[in-house]
């Protein structure tokens, strides 16, 4: 620009005698203005180019976010498998072959070995030939074909009538009626075992009250009303309360606890069901908020065990001897990066995933007897140093936004990712808590929530009971019948085998 101005001044000086000084001054001013305008336009162009680059980058990020939303499934996000779309390859040659159907390998199987002694033996005889009608002769030397069949009888429920006379003591003057047998409630027309089956149908089978009424009337052959079902629910609550309080006390004791939470509506208002699981006991707590205060109510202020959870912020203030963050959540987010538009995201996943896989494999080898406890514990600082080397050596331009978010998460909970290598009794995920909440989520979708305060409390009690029975390998229906029979008497102790 300086060169152009100098040349313009020389030219104006050369033509000065011809045009006059005033004309030359005007020409120079005009040229200077044009140069200023050109400089402003160049500045605007550069600014617009920067805006275009920023918009391109933002557009790529939006496209990447849209691709992540389109490709979300249970493998790379926290959505349940029931929401996965069926993705069948159009080319049959690309479909997986040789994959075993059914349970996983080494899964303990179950074989039906018959029913034992039959309640009724029916001999099916044939007198005449079905072809020509001639009288038949039985072949005595040939063995009989025997087939046992389990069938529902026409009246599976027995109606019992208890008659009690009034008695009076001639010595002390006491008078009264004899006690009803266990499982029978004063003034209620349905026994404990029938009520236990109805309770399992409602919470274990997730049937609505109308469907429970249908099963009792048309399968069991017993008339019932929804009012009677409501009385059963009250009976469940009073019977489960003593054991439920014992389970709440048990999860506060030192040990490994997997925790999680989910929403549940009480009379149309959103509440939260918090769950804490151990190896043999599960306890759910209904709370109005999702804050850390509710977790402290569940586990206690000074919990001295090991806490396994996801990365939700409410778990951070909770005191614990050690903490383990769920690797499965992290691995899902890493898997989502494998289809990212940004190479840095894919590179982050490529470098971090093998480290996590190595830690999981070592934990599995320990439980398979292939690694000693000392070898497993010595592996933790090696794994952490490898991961730290990845996080501290990003690309020249830095990690992309998604990879950067995962890096910050890893740094924020740095001491909580590989606790399972130091304490092998800890699992590297919180699947136990999620497994305990899954029936609650199904029940919530079927019922839409509870309509009363006591009904919502019963949900926490009943699902705590069902999951505890599953963990202990007990029959839920027979144990619920026992609790109903003991209602109003001394509560049974906490059974831990």
Protein backbone atom coordinates (compact mmCIF):
# COMPACT_ATOMS: atom_id res chain seq x y z
CA UNK A 1 0.00 0.00 0.00
CA UNK A 2 2.93 2.37 0.74
CA UNK A 3 4.43 1.65 -2.69
CA UNK A 4 1.14 2.41 -4.41
CA UNK A 5 0.83 5.73 -2.51
CA UNK A 6 4.38 6.78 -3.40
CA UNK A 7 3.90 5.97 -7.05
CA UNK A 8 0.64 7.90 -7.05
CA UNK A 9 2.39 10.95 -5.51
CA UNK A 10 5.16 10.85 -8.18
CA UNK A 11 2.58 10.67 -10.94
CA UNK A 12 0.65 13.57 -9.46
CA UNK A 13 3.87 15.65 -9.27
CA UNK A 14 4.72 14.88 -12.88
CA UNK A 15 1.36 16.10 -14.14
CA UNK A 16 1.27 19.10 -11.81
CA UNK A 17 1.91 21.69 -14.51
CA UNK A 18 -0.97 20.26 -16.57
CA UNK A 19 -3.78 19.78 -14.02
CA UNK A 20 -2.90 22.15 -11.21
CA UNK A 21 -2.19 21.49 -7.58
CA UNK A 22 -5.84 21.45 -6.42
CA UNK A 23 -6.76 18.69 -8.84
CA UNK A 24 -3.79 16.61 -7.75
CA UNK A 25 -4.77 16.95 -4.09
CA UNK A 26 -8.29 15.78 -4.88
CA UNK A 27 -6.96 12.81 -6.82
CA UNK A 28 -4.66 11.82 -3.95
CA UNK A 29 -7.51 12.09 -1.41
CA UNK A 30 -9.70 9.98 -3.64
CA UNK A 31 -7.01 7.32 -4.00
CA UNK A 32 -6.43 7.28 -0.21
CA UNK A 33 -10.16 6.82 0.40
CA UNK A 34 -10.25 3.96 -2.10
CA UNK A 35 -7.32 2.33 -0.36
CA UNK A 36 -9.07 2.70 3.01
CA UNK A 37 -12.24 1.17 1.61
CA UNK A 38 -10.20 -1.67 0.15
CA UNK A 39 -8.56 -2.27 3.50
CA UNK A 40 -11.96 -2.34 5.24
CA UNK A 41 -13.32 -4.81 2.68
CA UNK A 42 -10.29 -7.03 3.13
CA UNK A 43 -10.85 -6.93 6.90
CA UNK A 44 -14.53 -7.81 6.41
CA UNK A 45 -13.57 -10.70 4.12
CA UNK A 46 -11.12 -12.04 6.69
CA UNK A 47 -13.76 -11.73 9.43
CA UNK A 48 -16.32 -13.53 7.27
CA UNK A 49 -13.80 -16.27 6.51
CA UNK A 50 -13.23 -16.77 10.23
CA UNK A 51 -17.01 -16.92 10.78
CA UNK A 52 -17.35 -19.44 7.95
CA UNK A 53 -14.64 -21.62 9.51
CA UNK A 54 -16.36 -21.42 12.91
CA UNK A 55 -19.71 -22.29 11.31
CA UNK A 56 -18.14 -25.21 9.46
CA UNK A 57 -16.69 -26.50 12.71
CA UNK A 58 -20.01 -26.04 14.50
CA UNK A 59 -21.80 -27.75 11.61
CA UNK A 60 -19.45 -30.74 11.85
CA UNK A 61 -20.08 -30.95 15.59
CA UNK A 62 -23.84 -30.82 15.05
CA UNK A 63 -23.62 -33.52 12.39
CA UNK A 64 -21.55 -35.62 14.77
CA UNK A 65 -24.10 -35.12 17.56
CA UNK A 66 -26.92 -36.02 15.16
CA UNK A 67 -25.10 -39.17 14.08
CA UNK A 68 -24.67 -40.15 17.73
CA UNK A 69 -28.39 -39.70 18.35
CA UNK A 70 -29.30 -41.72 15.27
CA UNK A 71 -26.91 -44.56 16.14
CA UNK A 72 -27.75 -44.78 19.86
CA UNK A 73 -28.47 -48.27 21.13
CA UNK A 74 -27.92 -50.31 24.27
CA UNK A 75 -24.32 -51.02 23.29
CA UNK A 76 -23.11 -47.41 23.13
CA UNK A 77 -25.51 -45.59 25.46
CA UNK A 78 -27.63 -46.16 28.56
CA UNK A 79 -30.92 -46.79 26.74
CA UNK A 80 -32.43 -50.23 27.52
CA UNK A 81 -32.09 -53.10 25.02
CA UNK A 82 -35.88 -53.08 24.54
CA UNK A 83 -35.56 -49.83 22.59
CA UNK A 84 -32.98 -51.18 20.14
CA UNK A 85 -34.16 -51.30 16.54
CA UNK A 86 -33.84 -54.56 14.63
CA UNK A 87 -30.87 -54.12 12.31
CA UNK A 88 -30.70 -57.15 10.06
CA UNK A 89 -28.06 -57.07 7.28
CA UNK A 90 -29.60 -57.15 3.83
CA UNK A 91 -26.82 -59.47 2.63
CA UNK A 92 -27.19 -62.88 4.28
CA UNK A 93 -23.47 -63.53 3.89
CA UNK A 94 -22.73 -60.64 6.28
CA UNK A 95 -24.85 -62.06 9.10
CA UNK A 96 -23.09 -63.64 12.05
CA UNK A 97 -22.66 -67.40 11.76
CA UNK A 98 -21.85 -70.01 14.31
CA UNK A 99 -23.03 -67.95 17.29
CA UNK A 100 -24.46 -70.07 20.06
CA UNK A 101 -28.12 -69.43 20.78
CA UNK A 102 -29.56 -69.39 24.26
CA UNK A 103 -27.60 -69.05 27.52
CA UNK A 104 -23.91 -68.18 27.61
CA UNK A 105 -21.24 -70.85 27.75
CA UNK A 106 -20.69 -72.47 31.17
CA UNK A 107 -24.12 -71.27 32.29
CA UNK A 108 -25.54 -73.70 34.88
CA UNK A 109 -28.40 -75.51 33.21
CA UNK A 110 -31.60 -77.01 34.60
CA UNK A 111 -33.00 -80.40 33.65
CA UNK A 112 -36.57 -81.52 34.34
CA UNK A 113 -36.44 -84.95 35.95
CA UNK A 114 -40.16 -85.68 36.11
CA UNK A 115 -42.73 -84.97 38.82
CA UNK A 116 -42.20 -87.89 41.20
CA UNK A 117 -45.20 -89.80 42.53
CA UNK A 118 -48.37 -88.89 40.58
CA UNK A 119 -51.50 -87.67 42.35
CA UNK A 120 -53.70 -89.73 40.04
CA UNK A 121 -53.00 -92.68 37.73
CA UNK A 122 -55.27 -93.01 34.70
CA UNK A 123 -55.19 -96.17 32.55
CA UNK A 124 -56.19 -95.54 28.96
CA UNK A 125 -57.57 -98.79 27.49
CA UNK A 126 -58.56 -99.62 23.93
CA UNK A 127 -61.22 -102.31 23.34
CA UNK A 128 -61.86 -102.34 19.59
CA UNK A 129 -59.62 -101.87 16.57
CA UNK A 130 -59.85 -98.28 15.32
CA UNK A 131 -59.62 -99.58 11.71
CA UNK A 132 -61.96 -102.60 11.45
CA UNK A 133 -63.70 -102.63 14.84
CA UNK A 134 -62.47 -106.11 15.90
CA UNK A 135 -62.01 -106.76 19.62
CA UNK A 136 -58.35 -106.21 20.59
CA UNK A 137 -55.99 -108.34 22.70
CA UNK A 138 -53.45 -106.78 25.02
CA UNK A 139 -49.78 -107.65 24.38
CA UNK A 140 -48.64 -108.44 27.89
CA UNK A 141 -44.93 -108.85 27.04
CA UNK A 142 -44.62 -105.30 25.64
CA UNK A 143 -43.77 -102.49 28.10
CA UNK A 144 -46.38 -99.85 28.80
CA UNK A 145 -45.93 -96.28 27.63
CA UNK A 146 -46.02 -93.98 30.65
CA UNK A 147 -46.34 -90.20 30.40
CA UNK A 148 -46.70 -87.81 33.34
CA UNK A 149 -48.60 -84.59 32.65
CA UNK A 150 -48.99 -81.60 34.96
CA UNK A 151 -52.44 -80.04 34.61
CA UNK A 152 -54.51 -77.43 36.40
CA UNK A 153 -57.56 -78.99 38.04
CA UNK A 154 -60.95 -77.40 37.64
CA UNK A 155 -60.99 -76.11 41.24
CA UNK A 156 -57.34 -75.48 42.26
CA UNK A 157 -58.36 -73.45 45.33
CA UNK A 158 -59.91 -75.18 48.31
CA UNK A 159 -62.64 -73.35 50.23
CA UNK A 160 -62.29 -73.92 53.96
CA UNK A 161 -64.80 -72.96 56.63
CA UNK A 162 -63.47 -72.49 60.15
CA UNK A 163 -66.01 -72.83 62.96
CA UNK A 164 -65.02 -71.62 66.42
CA UNK A 165 -67.06 -71.90 69.59
CA UNK A 166 -66.86 -69.50 72.48
CA UNK A 167 -64.97 -70.82 75.47
CA UNK A 168 -64.93 -69.68 79.08
CA UNK A 169 -62.54 -70.56 81.89
CA UNK A 170 -64.40 -71.58 85.06
CA UNK A 171 -61.32 -70.76 87.15
CA UNK A 172 -60.27 -67.24 86.15
CA UNK A 173 -63.26 -66.18 84.11
CA UNK A 174 -61.41 -65.76 80.76
CA UNK A 175 -63.56 -66.17 77.71
CA UNK A 176 -62.74 -66.14 74.01
CA UNK A 177 -62.58 -68.00 70.73
CA UNK A 178 -59.82 -70.30 69.56
CA UNK A 179 -57.11 -68.81 67.35
CA UNK A 180 -57.22 -69.05 63.59
CA UNK A 181 -54.47 -71.12 61.91
CA UNK A 182 -51.38 -69.41 60.49
CA UNK A 183 -52.02 -67.73 57.18
CA UNK A 184 -55.62 -66.84 58.01
CA UNK A 185 -56.47 -63.27 58.93
CA UNK A 186 -59.42 -62.34 61.13
CA UNK A 187 -62.28 -60.96 59.05
CA UNK A 188 -60.56 -61.60 55.68
CA UNK A 189 -61.77 -64.22 53.22
CA UNK A 190 -58.50 -65.09 51.47
CA UNK A 191 -55.66 -67.19 52.88
CA UNK A 192 -51.98 -66.35 53.02
CA UNK A 193 -50.85 -68.57 50.13
CA UNK A 194 -53.50 -67.22 47.76
CA UNK A 195 -52.59 -63.67 48.77
CA UNK A 196 -48.90 -64.43 48.22
CA UNK A 197 -49.61 -65.61 44.68
CA UNK A 198 -51.64 -62.46 44.01
CA UNK A 199 -48.79 -60.35 45.40
CA UNK A 200 -46.27 -62.02 43.11
CA UNK A 201 -48.60 -61.56 40.13
CA UNK A 202 -48.75 -57.83 40.85
CA UNK A 203 -45.05 -57.14 41.51
CA UNK A 204 -43.15 -60.13 40.17
CA UNK A 205 -45.46 -60.63 37.18
CA UNK A 206 -46.38 -56.93 36.75
CA UNK A 207 -50.09 -57.59 36.28
CA UNK A 208 -52.55 -54.78 36.86
CA UNK A 209 -55.23 -55.16 39.52
CA UNK A 210 -57.84 -55.92 36.87
CA UNK A 211 -55.71 -58.74 35.46
CA UNK A 212 -55.03 -60.08 38.95
CA UNK A 213 -58.78 -60.12 39.51
CA UNK A 214 -59.22 -62.01 36.22
CA UNK A 215 -56.64 -64.68 37.13
CA UNK A 216 -58.16 -65.29 40.57
CA UNK A 217 -61.71 -65.50 39.24
CA UNK A 218 -61.25 -67.48 36.01
CA UNK A 219 -58.14 -69.57 36.73
CA UNK A 220 -58.52 -70.20 40.46
CA UNK A 221 -62.32 -70.11 40.36
CA UNK A 222 -62.64 -67.74 43.33
CA UNK A 223 -64.66 -64.50 43.16
CA UNK A 224 -62.72 -61.42 44.25
CA UNK A 225 -63.02 -57.64 44.07
CA UNK A 226 -60.42 -54.90 43.71
CA UNK A 227 -61.30 -53.81 47.24
CA UNK A 228 -60.11 -57.21 48.49
CA UNK A 229 -56.90 -56.82 46.47
CA UNK A 230 -56.37 -53.44 48.17
CA UNK A 231 -56.75 -55.13 51.58
CA UNK A 232 -54.13 -57.66 50.49
CA UNK A 233 -51.73 -54.80 49.73
CA UNK A 234 -52.21 -53.44 53.26
CA UNK A 235 -51.50 -56.91 54.61
CA UNK A 236 -48.31 -57.07 52.53
CA UNK A 237 -47.14 -53.73 53.90
CA UNK A 238 -47.62 -54.60 57.56
CA UNK A 239 -46.00 -58.01 57.07
CA UNK A 240 -42.94 -56.77 55.16
CA UNK A 241 -42.18 -53.74 57.34
CA UNK A 242 -40.12 -55.54 60.06
CA UNK A 243 -37.86 -57.31 57.54
CA UNK A 244 -37.62 -54.18 55.39
CA UNK A 245 -36.22 -52.22 58.34
CA UNK A 246 -33.69 -54.99 58.93
CA UNK A 247 -32.56 -54.80 55.29
CA UNK A 248 -32.18 -51.02 55.52
CA UNK A 249 -29.98 -51.49 58.58
CA UNK A 250 -27.95 -54.19 56.88
CA UNK A 251 -26.94 -52.09 53.83
CA UNK A 252 -25.52 -49.44 56.19
CA UNK A 253 -22.98 -51.93 57.50
CA UNK A 254 -19.48 -52.23 55.94
CA UNK A 255 -19.36 -54.17 52.70
CA UNK A 256 -19.57 -53.76 48.93
CA UNK A 257 -22.69 -51.81 47.89
CA UNK A 258 -23.86 -51.13 44.34
CA UNK A 259 -26.16 -48.09 44.24
CA UNK A 260 -28.38 -46.52 41.62
CA UNK A 261 -31.66 -44.62 41.36
CA UNK A 262 -34.69 -44.26 39.11
CA UNK A 263 -37.83 -42.15 39.02
CA UNK A 264 -41.18 -43.28 40.42
CA UNK A 265 -44.38 -41.25 40.59
CA UNK A 266 -46.39 -40.99 43.79
CA UNK A 267 -49.83 -39.53 43.17
CA UNK A 268 -48.54 -37.86 40.00
CA UNK A 269 -45.50 -36.29 41.69
CA UNK A 270 -42.02 -37.42 40.67
CA UNK A 271 -40.12 -39.22 43.41
CA UNK A 272 -36.93 -41.29 43.31
CA UNK A 273 -36.32 -44.91 44.23
CA UNK A 274 -32.76 -45.40 45.49
CA UNK A 275 -31.36 -48.92 45.60
CA UNK A 276 -28.40 -50.44 47.44
CA UNK A 277 -27.48 -54.06 46.80
CA UNK A 278 -25.12 -56.47 48.52
CA UNK A 279 -24.37 -60.11 47.87
CA UNK A 280 -27.54 -61.30 49.65
CA UNK A 281 -29.67 -58.27 50.54
CA UNK A 282 -31.26 -55.50 48.48
CA UNK A 283 -32.94 -52.40 49.92
CA UNK A 284 -34.88 -49.71 48.05
CA UNK A 285 -35.73 -46.33 49.52
CA UNK A 286 -38.39 -43.95 48.19
CA UNK A 287 -37.24 -40.33 48.45
CA UNK A 288 -38.57 -36.98 47.17
CA UNK A 289 -35.25 -35.79 45.65
CA UNK A 290 -32.19 -37.03 43.81
CA UNK A 291 -29.72 -35.30 46.11
CA UNK A 292 -26.83 -36.73 48.10
CA UNK A 293 -28.88 -36.36 51.30
CA UNK A 294 -31.11 -39.25 50.20
CA UNK A 295 -28.08 -41.44 49.60
CA UNK A 296 -26.84 -40.66 53.11
CA UNK A 297 -30.25 -41.72 54.44
CA UNK A 298 -29.87 -45.03 52.63
CA UNK A 299 -26.22 -45.83 53.46
CA UNK A 300 -25.68 -43.67 56.53
CA UNK A 301 -23.51 -40.61 57.14
CA UNK A 302 -20.32 -42.61 57.87
CA UNK A 303 -20.55 -45.58 55.52
CA UNK A 304 -17.36 -47.63 55.91
CA UNK A 305 -17.76 -49.93 52.93
CA UNK A 306 -16.95 -49.83 49.22
CA UNK A 307 -19.38 -47.87 47.05
CA UNK A 308 -19.94 -48.79 43.39
CA UNK A 309 -21.91 -46.32 41.27
CA UNK A 310 -22.01 -44.33 38.07
CA UNK A 311 -20.59 -40.80 37.82
CA UNK A 312 -23.70 -38.94 38.98
CA UNK A 313 -22.64 -36.01 41.18
CA UNK A 314 -24.82 -37.04 44.16
CA UNK A 315 -22.47 -39.95 44.88
CA UNK A 316 -19.39 -37.74 45.30
CA UNK A 317 -20.18 -36.33 48.82
CA UNK A 318 -20.95 -39.81 50.19
CA UNK A 319 -18.28 -41.05 52.60
CA UNK A 320 -16.87 -44.51 51.88
CA UNK A 321 -13.70 -46.47 52.49
CA UNK A 322 -13.25 -46.78 48.71
CA UNK A 323 -15.28 -46.11 45.57
CA UNK A 324 -15.61 -47.80 42.21
CA UNK A 325 -17.04 -46.06 39.15
CA UNK A 326 -18.88 -48.14 36.59
CA UNK A 327 -16.61 -49.10 33.69
CA UNK A 328 -19.57 -50.19 31.58
CA UNK A 329 -20.90 -46.63 31.34
CA UNK A 330 -17.45 -45.43 30.31
CA UNK A 331 -17.03 -48.19 27.73
CA UNK A 332 -20.40 -47.36 26.17
CA UNK A 333 -19.38 -43.74 25.73
CA UNK A 334 -16.06 -44.84 24.26
CA UNK A 335 -17.83 -47.14 21.82
CA UNK A 336 -19.97 -44.23 20.66
CA UNK A 337 -16.75 -42.43 19.64
CA UNK A 338 -15.84 -45.19 17.18
CA UNK A 339 -18.29 -43.76 14.62
CA UNK A 340 -17.46 -40.09 15.27
CA UNK A 341 -16.68 -37.75 12.35
CA UNK A 342 -13.63 -36.46 14.20
CA UNK A 343 -10.46 -38.51 13.97
CA UNK A 344 -9.34 -37.37 17.44
CA UNK A 345 -12.44 -38.95 19.02
CA UNK A 346 -11.78 -42.23 17.24
CA UNK A 347 -8.12 -42.11 18.25
CA UNK A 348 -9.05 -41.52 21.92
CA UNK A 349 -11.30 -44.56 21.87
CA UNK A 350 -8.64 -46.64 20.15
CA UNK A 351 -6.04 -45.82 22.80
CA UNK A 352 -8.19 -46.01 25.97
CA UNK A 353 -10.38 -49.08 25.30
CA UNK A 354 -7.52 -51.65 25.32
CA UNK A 355 -6.37 -50.38 28.73
CA UNK A 356 -9.83 -50.89 30.23
CA UNK A 357 -10.13 -54.29 28.56
CA UNK A 358 -6.79 -55.36 30.03
CA UNK A 359 -7.96 -54.42 33.53
CA UNK A 360 -11.22 -56.36 33.13
CA UNK A 361 -9.37 -59.40 31.78
CA UNK A 362 -7.02 -59.41 34.77
CA UNK A 363 -9.98 -59.31 37.16
CA UNK A 364 -11.57 -62.27 35.35
CA UNK A 365 -8.32 -64.22 35.41
CA UNK A 366 -8.04 -63.70 39.17
CA UNK A 367 -11.51 -65.16 39.77
CA UNK A 368 -10.65 -68.02 37.40
CA UNK A 369 -7.57 -68.82 39.52
CA UNK A 370 -5.07 -67.75 36.84
CA UNK A 371 -3.72 -64.72 38.77
CA UNK A 372 -2.79 -64.32 42.42
CA UNK A 373 -4.02 -61.45 44.56
CA UNK A 374 -0.52 -59.95 44.68
CA UNK A 375 -0.20 -60.06 40.87
CA UNK A 376 -3.61 -58.44 40.47
CA UNK A 377 -2.86 -55.62 42.89
CA UNK A 378 0.55 -54.91 41.32
CA UNK A 379 -1.17 -54.42 37.99
CA UNK A 380 -3.17 -51.37 39.12
CA UNK A 381 -0.33 -48.76 39.07
CA UNK A 382 0.78 -50.09 35.67
CA UNK A 383 -2.74 -49.71 34.24
CA UNK A 384 -3.11 -46.23 35.72
CA UNK A 385 0.26 -45.09 34.34
CA UNK A 386 -0.70 -46.28 30.85
CA UNK A 387 -3.99 -44.42 31.02
CA UNK A 388 -2.31 -41.29 32.37
CA UNK A 389 0.15 -41.35 29.46
CA UNK A 390 -2.77 -41.29 27.02
CA UNK A 391 -4.54 -38.43 28.80
CA UNK A 392 -1.39 -36.31 29.09
CA UNK A 393 -0.34 -36.69 25.44
CA UNK A 394 -3.19 -35.29 23.32
CA UNK A 395 -2.86 -34.41 19.61
CA UNK A 396 -1.32 -31.06 18.64
CA UNK A 397 -4.72 -29.36 18.44
CA UNK A 398 -5.98 -31.10 21.58
CA UNK A 399 -8.72 -33.69 21.94
CA UNK A 400 -12.09 -33.13 20.28
CA UNK A 401 -15.00 -32.11 22.51
CA UNK A 402 -16.39 -35.61 23.20
CA UNK A 403 -12.96 -37.07 23.90
CA UNK A 404 -12.13 -34.07 26.06
CA UNK A 405 -15.29 -34.65 28.11
CA UNK A 406 -14.32 -38.28 28.75
CA UNK A 407 -10.77 -37.22 29.61
CA UNK A 408 -12.09 -34.75 32.19
CA UNK A 409 -14.36 -37.45 33.63
CA UNK A 410 -11.43 -39.84 33.97
CA UNK A 411 -9.37 -37.16 35.71
CA UNK A 412 -12.22 -36.10 38.01
CA UNK A 413 -12.67 -39.64 39.39
CA UNK A 414 -9.07 -40.74 38.94
CA UNK A 415 -8.82 -42.91 42.07
CA UNK A 416 -12.18 -44.63 41.50
CA UNK A 417 -11.79 -46.50 38.19
CA UNK A 418 -9.60 -49.48 39.15
CA UNK A 419 -10.61 -50.19 42.75
CA UNK A 420 -11.62 -53.69 41.62
CA UNK A 421 -7.93 -54.47 41.02
CA UNK A 422 -7.08 -53.67 44.65
CA UNK A 423 -10.28 -55.21 46.08
CA UNK A 424 -11.20 -58.12 43.77
CA UNK A 425 -14.50 -58.70 45.60
CA UNK A 426 -15.68 -55.48 43.89
CA UNK A 427 -17.13 -55.73 40.39
CA UNK A 428 -15.96 -53.23 37.74
CA UNK A 429 -19.54 -52.10 37.09
CA UNK A 430 -22.79 -51.42 38.94
CA UNK A 431 -24.87 -53.92 36.97
CA UNK A 432 -26.21 -55.43 40.21
CA UNK A 433 -28.00 -52.19 41.08
CA UNK A 434 -29.30 -51.74 37.54
CA UNK A 435 -30.54 -55.34 37.52
CA UNK A 436 -32.40 -54.69 40.79
CA UNK A 437 -34.08 -51.58 39.34
CA UNK A 438 -35.14 -53.16 36.06
CA UNK A 439 -38.30 -54.82 37.50
CA UNK A 440 -39.21 -51.50 39.13
CA UNK A 441 -38.99 -49.72 35.77
CA UNK A 442 -41.24 -52.34 34.15
CA UNK A 443 -43.72 -52.06 37.01
CA UNK A 444 -43.68 -48.26 36.66
CA UNK A 445 -44.50 -48.48 32.96
CA UNK A 446 -47.35 -50.91 33.61
CA UNK A 447 -48.90 -49.19 36.63
CA UNK A 448 -47.97 -45.55 35.97
CA UNK A 449 -46.87 -45.20 39.59
CA UNK A 450 -48.60 -45.35 42.97
CA UNK A 451 -51.77 -43.46 43.88
CA UNK A 452 -51.14 -43.23 47.64
CA UNK A 453 -48.31 -42.76 50.09
CA UNK A 454 -48.60 -46.24 51.54
CA UNK A 455 -48.81 -47.74 48.04
CA UNK A 456 -45.53 -46.08 47.07
CA UNK A 457 -43.87 -47.31 50.26
CA UNK A 458 -45.14 -50.81 49.50
CA UNK A 459 -43.42 -50.68 46.09
CA UNK A 460 -40.06 -50.12 47.82
CA UNK A 461 -40.77 -52.88 50.36
CA UNK A 462 -42.05 -55.45 47.87
CA UNK A 463 -39.24 -55.04 45.34
CA UNK A 464 -36.68 -55.10 48.16
CA UNK A 465 -38.24 -58.40 49.22
CA UNK A 466 -38.34 -59.91 45.71
CA UNK A 467 -34.73 -58.98 44.90
CA UNK A 468 -33.51 -60.21 48.29
CA UNK A 469 -35.26 -63.53 47.73
CA UNK A 470 -33.63 -63.78 44.30
CA UNK A 471 -30.17 -63.06 45.73
CA UNK A 472 -30.63 -65.67 48.45
CA UNK A 473 -32.11 -68.24 46.06
CA UNK A 474 -35.38 -68.51 48.01
CA UNK A 475 -38.94 -69.02 46.83
CA UNK A 476 -40.61 -65.61 47.03
CA UNK A 477 -44.20 -66.90 47.24
CA UNK A 478 -43.62 -69.34 50.12
CA UNK A 479 -41.56 -66.79 52.08
CA UNK A 480 -44.19 -64.09 51.55
CA UNK A 481 -46.82 -66.54 52.81
CA UNK A 482 -44.67 -67.14 55.91
CA UNK A 483 -44.39 -63.39 56.53
CA UNK A 484 -48.15 -62.98 56.14
CA UNK A 485 -48.68 -65.79 58.64
CA UNK A 486 -46.36 -64.10 61.15
CA UNK A 487 -47.94 -60.65 60.77
CA UNK A 488 -48.61 -59.20 64.22
CA UNK A 489 -46.24 -61.66 65.87
CA UNK A 490 -42.48 -61.40 66.55
CA UNK A 491 -40.67 -60.52 63.29
CA UNK A 492 -38.30 -63.17 61.91
CA UNK A 493 -34.57 -62.51 62.03
CA UNK A 494 -32.54 -61.49 59.01
CA UNK A 495 -31.59 -64.70 57.23
CA UNK A 496 -28.10 -64.51 55.72
CA UNK A 497 -26.74 -67.82 54.58
